[in-house]
Amino acid sequence: MFFVVPSVDVANFVEKDDRYFHSLSRKKPVKHTDMRIFRLRLDKNSRGLDPKKYENKWNYFER
């Protein structure tokens, strides 16, 4: 099983997820870094990305 996700979708997701992560209250502040992680969750809590939409979508490379 492979998930082919266009870079535009990854960038939008990572930007929103990073904003959310830094908005959470914590005891110790969190540094802002250039490192971002993209995890496509397969359960219902996928935060707006439907994994089935990207599963085995090799046709994205045919453009």
PDB file of N, CA and C in Angstrom:
ATOM      1  N   MET A   1       0.846  -1.167   0.000  1.00  0.00           N
ATOM      2  CA  MET A   1       0.000   0.000   0.000  1.00  0.00           C
ATOM      3  C   MET A   1       0.899   1.241   0.000  1.00  0.00           C
ATOM      4  N   PHE A   2       0.683   2.121  -0.957  1.00  0.00           N
ATOM      5  CA  PHE A   2       1.439   3.359  -1.060  1.00  0.00           C
ATOM      6  C   PHE A   2       0.470   4.530  -1.105  1.00  0.00           C
ATOM      7  N   PHE A   3       0.910   5.648  -0.580  1.00  0.00           N
ATOM      8  CA  PHE A   3       0.112   6.866  -0.603  1.00  0.00           C
ATOM      9  C   PHE A   3       0.904   7.932  -1.341  1.00  0.00           C
ATOM     10  N   VAL A   4       0.352   8.394  -2.447  1.00  0.00           N
ATOM     11  CA  VAL A   4       1.004   9.414  -3.267  1.00  0.00           C
ATOM     12  C   VAL A   4       0.255  10.723  -3.025  1.00  0.00           C
ATOM     13  N   VAL A   5       0.906  11.631  -2.292  1.00  0.00           N
ATOM     14  CA  VAL A   5       0.267  12.884  -1.895  1.00  0.00           C
ATOM     15  C   VAL A   5       0.986  14.035  -2.596  1.00  0.00           C
ATOM     16  N   PRO A   6       0.269  14.855  -3.357  1.00  0.00           N
ATOM     17  CA  PRO A   6       0.890  15.993  -4.035  1.00  0.00           C
ATOM     18  C   PRO A   6       1.543  16.950  -3.030  1.00  0.00           C
ATOM     19  N   SER A   7       2.635  17.545  -3.434  1.00  0.00           N
ATOM     20  CA  SER A   7       3.401  18.426  -2.546  1.00  0.00           C
ATOM     21  C   SER A   7       2.580  19.618  -2.057  1.00  0.00           C
ATOM     22  N   VAL A   8       1.655  20.102  -2.868  1.00  0.00           N
ATOM     23  CA  VAL A   8       0.799  21.224  -2.450  1.00  0.00           C
ATOM     24  C   VAL A   8      -0.057  20.812  -1.258  1.00  0.00           C
ATOM     25  N   ASP A   9      -0.608  19.608  -1.296  1.00  0.00           N
ATOM     26  CA  ASP A   9      -1.429  19.117  -0.189  1.00  0.00           C
ATOM     27  C   ASP A   9      -0.586  18.902   1.065  1.00  0.00           C
ATOM     28  N   VAL A  10       0.621  18.379   0.884  1.00  0.00           N
ATOM     29  CA  VAL A  10       1.527  18.178   2.024  1.00  0.00           C
ATOM     30  C   VAL A  10       1.878  19.525   2.643  1.00  0.00           C
ATOM     31  N   ALA A  11       2.243  20.506   1.827  1.00  0.00           N
ATOM     32  CA  ALA A  11       2.632  21.827   2.333  1.00  0.00           C
ATOM     33  C   ALA A  11       1.493  22.484   3.101  1.00  0.00           C
ATOM     34  N   ASN A  12       0.281  22.434   2.559  1.00  0.00           N
ATOM     35  CA  ASN A  12      -0.872  23.025   3.247  1.00  0.00           C
ATOM     36  C   ASN A  12      -1.135  22.335   4.579  1.00  0.00           C
ATOM     37  N   PHE A  13      -1.074  21.019   4.578  1.00  0.00           N
ATOM     38  CA  PHE A  13      -1.321  20.268   5.804  1.00  0.00           C
ATOM     39  C   PHE A  13      -0.266  20.572   6.864  1.00  0.00           C
ATOM     40  N   VAL A  14       0.993  20.557   6.470  1.00  0.00           N
ATOM     41  CA  VAL A  14       2.086  20.780   7.421  1.00  0.00           C
ATOM     42  C   VAL A  14       2.017  22.193   7.999  1.00  0.00           C
ATOM     43  N   GLU A  15       1.682  23.167   7.171  1.00  0.00           N
ATOM     44  CA  GLU A  15       1.570  24.547   7.655  1.00  0.00           C
ATOM     45  C   GLU A  15       0.460  24.665   8.711  1.00  0.00           C
ATOM     46  N   LYS A  16      -0.711  24.111   8.419  1.00  0.00           N
ATOM     47  CA  LYS A  16      -1.826  24.176   9.368  1.00  0.00           C
ATOM     48  C   LYS A  16      -1.515  23.387  10.641  1.00  0.00           C
ATOM     49  N   ASP A  17      -0.904  22.215  10.484  1.00  0.00           N
ATOM     50  CA  ASP A  17      -0.588  21.379  11.626  1.00  0.00           C
ATOM     51  C   ASP A  17       0.461  22.046  12.521  1.00  0.00           C
ATOM     52  N   ASP A  18       1.430  22.723  11.921  1.00  0.00           N
ATOM     53  CA  ASP A  18       2.452  23.421  12.692  1.00  0.00           C
ATOM     54  C   ASP A  18       1.848  24.576  13.490  1.00  0.00           C
ATOM     55  N   ARG A  19       0.945  25.328  12.857  1.00  0.00           N
ATOM     56  CA  ARG A  19       0.257  26.406  13.572  1.00  0.00           C
ATOM     57  C   ARG A  19      -0.528  25.865  14.760  1.00  0.00           C
ATOM     58  N   TYR A  20      -1.216  24.754  14.538  1.00  0.00           N
ATOM     59  CA  TYR A  20      -1.983  24.133  15.617  1.00  0.00           C
ATOM     60  C   TYR A  20      -1.047  23.673  16.743  1.00  0.00           C
ATOM     61  N   PHE A  21       0.049  23.020  16.390  1.00  0.00           N
ATOM     62  CA  PHE A  21       1.008  22.513  17.370  1.00  0.00           C
ATOM     63  C   PHE A  21       1.536  23.644  18.250  1.00  0.00           C
ATOM     64  N   HIS A  22       1.874  24.767  17.651  1.00  0.00           N
ATOM     65  CA  HIS A  22       2.430  25.884  18.414  1.00  0.00           C
ATOM     66  C   HIS A  22       1.356  26.669  19.179  1.00  0.00           C
ATOM     67  N   SER A  23       0.105  26.458  18.853  1.00  0.00           N
ATOM     68  CA  SER A  23      -0.957  27.166  19.575  1.00  0.00           C
ATOM     69  C   SER A  23      -1.334  26.475  20.890  1.00  0.00           C
ATOM     70  N   LEU A  24      -0.916  25.230  21.074  1.00  0.00           N
ATOM     71  CA  LEU A  24      -1.236  24.498  22.292  1.00  0.00           C
ATOM     72  C   LEU A  24      -0.471  25.088  23.477  1.00  0.00           C
ATOM     73  N   SER A  25      -1.116  25.146  24.626  1.00  0.00           N
ATOM     74  CA  SER A  25      -0.433  25.687  25.804  1.00  0.00           C
ATOM     75  C   SER A  25       0.426  24.594  26.443  1.00  0.00           C
ATOM     76  N   ARG A  26       1.609  25.011  26.889  1.00  0.00           N
ATOM     77  CA  ARG A  26       2.568  24.085  27.488  1.00  0.00           C
ATOM     78  C   ARG A  26       3.248  24.733  28.681  1.00  0.00           C
ATOM     79  N   LYS A  27       3.835  23.909  29.517  1.00  0.00           N
ATOM     80  CA  LYS A  27       4.603  24.425  30.648  1.00  0.00           C
ATOM     81  C   LYS A  27       5.892  25.077  30.157  1.00  0.00           C
ATOM     82  N   LYS A  28       6.545  24.430  29.179  1.00  0.00           N
ATOM     83  CA  LYS A  28       7.781  24.972  28.615  1.00  0.00           C
ATOM     84  C   LYS A  28       7.516  25.378  27.163  1.00  0.00           C
ATOM     85  N   PRO A  29       8.024  26.517  26.732  1.00  0.00           N
ATOM     86  CA  PRO A  29       7.812  26.932  25.338  1.00  0.00           C
ATOM     87  C   PRO A  29       8.507  25.989  24.348  1.00  0.00           C
ATOM     88  N   VAL A  30       7.970  25.933  23.151  1.00  0.00           N
ATOM     89  CA  VAL A  30       8.516  25.086  22.092  1.00  0.00           C
ATOM     90  C   VAL A  30       9.179  25.981  21.060  1.00  0.00           C
ATOM     91  N   LYS A  31      10.378  25.611  20.638  1.00  0.00           N
ATOM     92  CA  LYS A  31      11.096  26.396  19.627  1.00  0.00           C
ATOM     93  C   LYS A  31      10.436  26.250  18.257  1.00  0.00           C
ATOM     94  N   HIS A  32      10.530  27.300  17.473  1.00  0.00           N
ATOM     95  CA  HIS A  32      10.146  27.222  16.064  1.00  0.00           C
ATOM     96  C   HIS A  32      11.373  26.774  15.282  1.00  0.00           C
ATOM     97  N   THR A  33      11.228  25.722  14.509  1.00  0.00           N
ATOM     98  CA  THR A  33      12.336  25.221  13.699  1.00  0.00           C
ATOM     99  C   THR A  33      11.863  25.046  12.260  1.00  0.00           C
ATOM    100  N   ASP A  34      12.778  24.728  11.374  1.00  0.00           N
ATOM    101  CA  ASP A  34      12.440  24.471   9.977  1.00  0.00           C
ATOM    102  C   ASP A  34      12.011  23.019   9.745  1.00  0.00           C
ATOM    103  N   MET A  35      12.174  22.173  10.746  1.00  0.00           N
ATOM    104  CA  MET A  35      11.832  20.760  10.617  1.00  0.00           C
ATOM    105  C   MET A  35      10.322  20.574  10.725  1.00  0.00           C
ATOM    106  N   ARG A  36       9.751  19.840   9.771  1.00  0.00           N
ATOM    107  CA  ARG A  36       8.323  19.528   9.788  1.00  0.00           C
ATOM    108  C   ARG A  36       8.159  18.034   9.532  1.00  0.00           C
ATOM    109  N   ILE A  37       7.117  17.458  10.102  1.00  0.00           N
ATOM    110  CA  ILE A  37       6.842  16.037   9.922  1.00  0.00           C
ATOM    111  C   ILE A  37       5.468  15.887   9.288  1.00  0.00           C
ATOM    112  N   PHE A  38       5.395  15.033   8.283  1.00  0.00           N
ATOM    113  CA  PHE A  38       4.123  14.739   7.635  1.00  0.00           C
ATOM    114  C   PHE A  38       3.769  13.289   7.922  1.00  0.00           C
ATOM    115  N   ARG A  39       2.669  13.096   8.613  1.00  0.00           N
ATOM    116  CA  ARG A  39       2.181  11.748   8.894  1.00  0.00           C
ATOM    117  C   ARG A  39       0.748  11.657   8.402  1.00  0.00           C
ATOM    118  N   LEU A  40       0.511  10.748   7.503  1.00  0.00           N
ATOM    119  CA  LEU A  40      -0.835  10.522   6.987  1.00  0.00           C
ATOM    120  C   LEU A  40      -1.466   9.415   7.810  1.00  0.00           C
ATOM    121  N   ARG A  41      -2.393   9.793   8.658  1.00  0.00           N
ATOM    122  CA  ARG A  41      -3.030   8.814   9.542  1.00  0.00           C
ATOM    123  C   ARG A  41      -4.107   8.049   8.791  1.00  0.00           C
ATOM    124  N   LEU A  42      -4.234   6.782   9.103  1.00  0.00           N
ATOM    125  CA  LEU A  42      -5.207   5.931   8.423  1.00  0.00           C
ATOM    126  C   LEU A  42      -6.505   5.786   9.191  1.00  0.00           C
ATOM    127  N   ASP A  43      -6.584   6.337  10.395  1.00  0.00           N
ATOM    128  CA  ASP A  43      -7.818   6.242  11.169  1.00  0.00           C
ATOM    129  C   ASP A  43      -8.709   7.451  10.884  1.00  0.00           C
ATOM    130  N   LYS A  44      -9.788   7.565  11.622  1.00  0.00           N
ATOM    131  CA  LYS A  44     -10.740   8.647  11.377  1.00  0.00           C
ATOM    132  C   LYS A  44     -10.210  10.008  11.800  1.00  0.00           C
ATOM    133  N   ASN A  45      -9.185  10.044  12.626  1.00  0.00           N
ATOM    134  CA  ASN A  45      -8.624  11.312  13.093  1.00  0.00           C
ATOM    135  C   ASN A  45      -7.479  11.745  12.179  1.00  0.00           C
ATOM    136  N   SER A  46      -7.746  11.893  10.903  1.00  0.00           N
ATOM    137  CA  SER A  46      -6.700  12.214   9.935  1.00  0.00           C
ATOM    138  C   SER A  46      -6.507  13.712   9.750  1.00  0.00           C
ATOM    139  N   ARG A  47      -7.176  14.524  10.536  1.00  0.00           N
ATOM    140  CA  ARG A  47      -7.052  15.987  10.509  1.00  0.00           C
ATOM    141  C   ARG A  47      -7.274  16.586   9.121  1.00  0.00           C
ATOM    142  N   GLY A  48      -8.280  16.128   8.448  1.00  0.00           N
ATOM    143  CA  GLY A  48      -8.663  16.760   7.195  1.00  0.00           C
ATOM    144  C   GLY A  48      -8.153  16.096   5.934  1.00  0.00           C
ATOM    145  N   LEU A  49      -7.190  15.192   6.037  1.00  0.00           N
ATOM    146  CA  LEU A  49      -6.719  14.489   4.851  1.00  0.00           C
ATOM    147  C   LEU A  49      -7.328  13.092   4.822  1.00  0.00           C
ATOM    148  N   ASP A  50      -7.994  12.776   3.725  1.00  0.00           N
ATOM    149  CA  ASP A  50      -8.599  11.459   3.571  1.00  0.00           C
ATOM    150  C   ASP A  50      -7.573  10.523   2.942  1.00  0.00           C
ATOM    151  N   PRO A  51      -7.069   9.538   3.675  1.00  0.00           N
ATOM    152  CA  PRO A  51      -6.034   8.657   3.142  1.00  0.00           C
ATOM    153  C   PRO A  51      -6.458   7.922   1.873  1.00  0.00           C
ATOM    154  N   LYS A  52      -7.719   7.577   1.771  1.00  0.00           N
ATOM    155  CA  LYS A  52      -8.186   6.846   0.582  1.00  0.00           C
ATOM    156  C   LYS A  52      -8.038   7.680  -0.693  1.00  0.00           C
ATOM    157  N   LYS A  53      -8.062   8.991  -0.550  1.00  0.00           N
ATOM    158  CA  LYS A  53      -7.918   9.879  -1.705  1.00  0.00           C
ATOM    159  C   LYS A  53      -6.525   9.747  -2.333  1.00  0.00           C
ATOM    160  N   TYR A  54      -5.532   9.352  -1.530  1.00  0.00           N
ATOM    161  CA  TYR A  54      -4.143   9.311  -1.998  1.00  0.00           C
ATOM    162  C   TYR A  54      -3.592   7.903  -2.163  1.00  0.00           C
ATOM    163  N   GLU A  55      -4.371   6.903  -1.830  1.00  0.00           N
ATOM    164  CA  GLU A  55      -3.881   5.525  -1.876  1.00  0.00           C
ATOM    165  C   GLU A  55      -3.648   5.071  -3.310  1.00  0.00           C
ATOM    166  N   ASN A  56      -2.409   4.686  -3.598  1.00  0.00           N
ATOM    167  CA  ASN A  56      -1.992   4.166  -4.914  1.00  0.00           C
ATOM    168  C   ASN A  56      -2.377   5.088  -6.071  1.00  0.00           C
ATOM    169  N   LYS A  57      -2.256   6.379  -5.881  1.00  0.00           N
ATOM    170  CA  LYS A  57      -2.611   7.351  -6.924  1.00  0.00           C
ATOM    171  C   LYS A  57      -1.391   7.685  -7.776  1.00  0.00           C
ATOM    172  N   TRP A  58      -0.885   6.688  -8.461  1.00  0.00           N
ATOM    173  CA  TRP A  58       0.311   6.875  -9.293  1.00  0.00           C
ATOM    174  C   TRP A  58       0.061   7.804 -10.471  1.00  0.00           C
ATOM    175  N   ASN A  59      -1.192   8.026 -10.813  1.00  0.00           N
ATOM    176  CA  ASN A  59      -1.504   8.908 -11.943  1.00  0.00           C
ATOM    177  C   ASN A  59      -1.095  10.353 -11.683  1.00  0.00           C
ATOM    178  N   TYR A  60      -0.797  10.728 -10.432  1.00  0.00           N
ATOM    179  CA  TYR A  60      -0.302  12.080 -10.159  1.00  0.00           C
ATOM    180  C   TYR A  60       1.012  12.344 -10.894  1.00  0.00           C
ATOM    181  N   PHE A  61       1.762  11.296 -11.184  1.00  0.00           N
ATOM    182  CA  PHE A  61       3.054  11.454 -11.864  1.00  0.00           C
ATOM    183  C   PHE A  61       2.913  11.590 -13.369  1.00  0.00           C
ATOM    184  N   GLU A  62       1.731  11.372 -13.902  1.00  0.00           N
ATOM    185  CA  GLU A  62       1.514  11.390 -15.345  1.00  0.00           C
ATOM    186  C   GLU A  62       1.200  12.768 -15.903  1.00  0.00           C
ATOM    187  N   ARG A  63       1.225  13.789 -15.080  1.00  0.00           N
ATOM    188  CA  ARG A  63       0.847  15.126 -15.541  1.00  0.00           C
ATOM    189  C   ARG A  63       1.919  15.759 -16.374  1.00  0.00           C
TER     190      ARG A  63
END
